[in-house]
Structure formats: C-alpha cells, structure tokens
Amino acid sequence: MFMDTRGEGEEETKKETARPKQFIPKAVGQKVTIRLMDGRPLIAKLESHNNYELLLDVGKGKKIIVFKHAISTLEYEAQDEGR
C-alpha cells in the first residue's frame, strides 16, 4: 500500500524555515557586517527590514537598501540582556 508522507515532511520544512526569521529582527539597531554574494563586505547599522530587503545606515547621512537575495552572510555581535 502506498503511504503519503508529504504532509509530515512539509511540517518539518516549515518548522526549519521558521527559525532563521528570528535572527534579523534581533539585529535591528545593531552594527552588522553583511557579505554580499560577490564577496564584498558592508558594515552598517541595520535600520529595518521586510520580506525582501534590508535598510542600512552606512553613516554620514547615507542609507542604502540591500536585497536579501544579494546577501551571502549577515553577522552581528549579540548584546547580552541584563548585563
């Protein structure tokens, strides 16, 4: 008998993809280092984000939008709460 297991796998995939979405909201207001797909680094303050883009403050009154699909990595130093 054929058993349909697609429903189980889809639930696992949804759970896995939901976790990384929490990373970017925690980085808002922080100094971040973004490495683009071509290897260039960007160091800026993350102002805001939506489903497709990040708004960065690069200083001296300049702000830029970076599309998420152009990003290879994003890193920031997490602030310890209560310290």
C-alpha atoms as a PDB file:
ATOM      1  CA  MET A   1       0.000   0.000   0.000  1.00  0.00           C
ATOM      2  CA  PHE A   2       1.248   3.471  -0.899  1.00  0.00           C
ATOM      3  CA  MET A   3       1.598   5.854   2.047  1.00  0.00           C
ATOM      4  CA  ASP A   4       1.528   9.590   1.509  1.00  0.00           C
ATOM      5  CA  THR A   5       4.183  11.179   3.742  1.00  0.00           C
ATOM      6  CA  ARG A   6       4.269  14.590   2.087  1.00  0.00           C
ATOM      7  CA  GLY A   7       2.318  16.182   4.928  1.00  0.00           C
ATOM      8  CA  GLU A   8       4.885  15.129   7.520  1.00  0.00           C
ATOM      9  CA  GLY A   9       7.847  16.431   5.525  1.00  0.00           C
ATOM     10  CA  GLU A  10       6.135  19.706   4.789  1.00  0.00           C
ATOM     11  CA  GLU A  11       5.561  20.337   8.504  1.00  0.00           C
ATOM     12  CA  GLU A  12       9.221  19.662   9.257  1.00  0.00           C
ATOM     13  CA  THR A  13      10.304  22.008   6.454  1.00  0.00           C
ATOM     14  CA  LYS A  14       8.035  24.778   7.744  1.00  0.00           C
ATOM     15  CA  LYS A  15       9.476  24.412  11.246  1.00  0.00           C
ATOM     16  CA  GLU A  16      13.041  24.562   9.924  1.00  0.00           C
ATOM     17  CA  THR A  17      12.423  27.643   7.794  1.00  0.00           C
ATOM     18  CA  ALA A  18      10.655  29.495  10.608  1.00  0.00           C
ATOM     19  CA  ARG A  19      13.737  29.588  12.859  1.00  0.00           C
ATOM     20  CA  PRO A  20      16.118  31.818  10.847  1.00  0.00           C
ATOM     21  CA  LYS A  21      13.468  34.538  10.515  1.00  0.00           C
ATOM     22  CA  GLN A  22      14.068  35.406  14.182  1.00  0.00           C
ATOM     23  CA  PHE A  23      17.699  36.361  13.542  1.00  0.00           C
ATOM     24  CA  ILE A  24      17.139  39.573  11.589  1.00  0.00           C
ATOM     25  CA  PRO A  25      14.631  41.231  13.978  1.00  0.00           C
ATOM     26  CA  LYS A  26      17.155  40.804  16.809  1.00  0.00           C
ATOM     27  CA  ALA A  27      19.793  42.573  14.694  1.00  0.00           C
ATOM     28  CA  VAL A  28      17.704  45.733  14.119  1.00  0.00           C
ATOM     29  CA  GLY A  29      19.528  48.703  15.608  1.00  0.00           C
ATOM     30  CA  GLN A  30      22.820  46.804  15.723  1.00  0.00           C
ATOM     31  CA  LYS A  31      26.010  47.292  13.750  1.00  0.00           C
ATOM     32  CA  VAL A  32      26.084  44.426  11.227  1.00  0.00           C
ATOM     33  CA  THR A  33      28.589  43.043   8.769  1.00  0.00           C
ATOM     34  CA  ILE A  34      26.967  41.831   5.567  1.00  0.00           C
ATOM     35  CA  ARG A  35      28.904  39.891   2.972  1.00  0.00           C
ATOM     36  CA  LEU A  36      27.357  40.135  -0.474  1.00  0.00           C
ATOM     37  CA  MET A  37      27.212  37.253  -2.938  1.00  0.00           C
ATOM     38  CA  ASP A  38      30.229  38.663  -4.814  1.00  0.00           C
ATOM     39  CA  GLY A  39      32.263  38.704  -1.565  1.00  0.00           C
ATOM     40  CA  ARG A  40      32.195  42.441  -0.804  1.00  0.00           C
ATOM     41  CA  PRO A  41      31.586  43.297   2.853  1.00  0.00           C
ATOM     42  CA  LEU A  42      29.227  46.036   4.045  1.00  0.00           C
ATOM     43  CA  ILE A  43      29.469  47.349   7.595  1.00  0.00           C
ATOM     44  CA  ALA A  44      26.465  49.394   8.667  1.00  0.00           C
ATOM     45  CA  LYS A  45      23.673  49.786  11.198  1.00  0.00           C
ATOM     46  CA  LEU A  46      20.568  47.748  10.367  1.00  0.00           C
ATOM     47  CA  GLU A  47      17.655  50.203  10.438  1.00  0.00           C
ATOM     48  CA  SER A  48      14.753  47.990   9.340  1.00  0.00           C
ATOM     49  CA  HIS A  49      13.764  45.052   7.150  1.00  0.00           C
ATOM     50  CA  ASN A  50      10.884  43.475   5.280  1.00  0.00           C
ATOM     51  CA  ASN A  51      10.440  40.213   3.384  1.00  0.00           C
ATOM     52  CA  TYR A  52      12.781  41.216   0.554  1.00  0.00           C
ATOM     53  CA  GLU A  53      15.161  43.957   1.644  1.00  0.00           C
ATOM     54  CA  LEU A  54      17.234  45.447   4.451  1.00  0.00           C
ATOM     55  CA  LEU A  55      17.567  49.181   5.108  1.00  0.00           C
ATOM     56  CA  LEU A  56      21.100  50.048   6.242  1.00  0.00           C
ATOM     57  CA  ASP A  57      22.537  53.264   7.652  1.00  0.00           C
ATOM     58  CA  VAL A  58      26.131  53.477   6.393  1.00  0.00           C
ATOM     59  CA  GLY A  59      26.877  56.769   8.151  1.00  0.00           C
ATOM     60  CA  LYS A  60      27.355  60.371   7.030  1.00  0.00           C
ATOM     61  CA  GLY A  61      23.623  60.604   6.323  1.00  0.00           C
ATOM     62  CA  LYS A  62      23.641  57.791   3.754  1.00  0.00           C
ATOM     63  CA  LYS A  63      21.169  54.933   3.786  1.00  0.00           C
ATOM     64  CA  ILE A  64      21.058  52.026   1.377  1.00  0.00           C
ATOM     65  CA  ILE A  65      18.681  49.175   0.624  1.00  0.00           C
ATOM     66  CA  VAL A  66      20.170  45.736   0.083  1.00  0.00           C
ATOM     67  CA  PHE A  67      18.022  42.996  -1.374  1.00  0.00           C
ATOM     68  CA  LYS A  68      18.146  39.817   0.702  1.00  0.00           C
ATOM     69  CA  HIS A  69      18.830  37.602  -2.302  1.00  0.00           C
ATOM     70  CA  ALA A  70      22.122  39.506  -2.802  1.00  0.00           C
ATOM     71  CA  ILE A  71      23.373  38.590   0.698  1.00  0.00           C
ATOM     72  CA  SER A  72      25.645  35.659   1.399  1.00  0.00           C
ATOM     73  CA  THR A  73      26.030  36.170   5.171  1.00  0.00           C
ATOM     74  CA  LEU A  74      24.946  38.586   7.871  1.00  0.00           C
ATOM     75  CA  GLU A  75      26.638  38.792  11.241  1.00  0.00           C
ATOM     76  CA  TYR A  76      26.419  40.953  14.331  1.00  0.00           C
ATOM     77  CA  GLU A  77      27.553  40.807  17.910  1.00  0.00           C
ATOM     78  CA  ALA A  78      24.584  39.895  20.095  1.00  0.00           C
ATOM     79  CA  GLN A  79      24.012  42.181  23.054  1.00  0.00           C
ATOM     80  CA  ASP A  80      23.681  40.296  26.347  1.00  0.00           C
ATOM     81  CA  GLU A  81      20.445  41.239  28.058  1.00  0.00           C
ATOM     82  CA  GLY A  82      20.725  42.237  31.699  1.00  0.00           C
ATOM     83  CA  ARG A  83      24.499  42.867  31.658  1.00  0.00           C
END
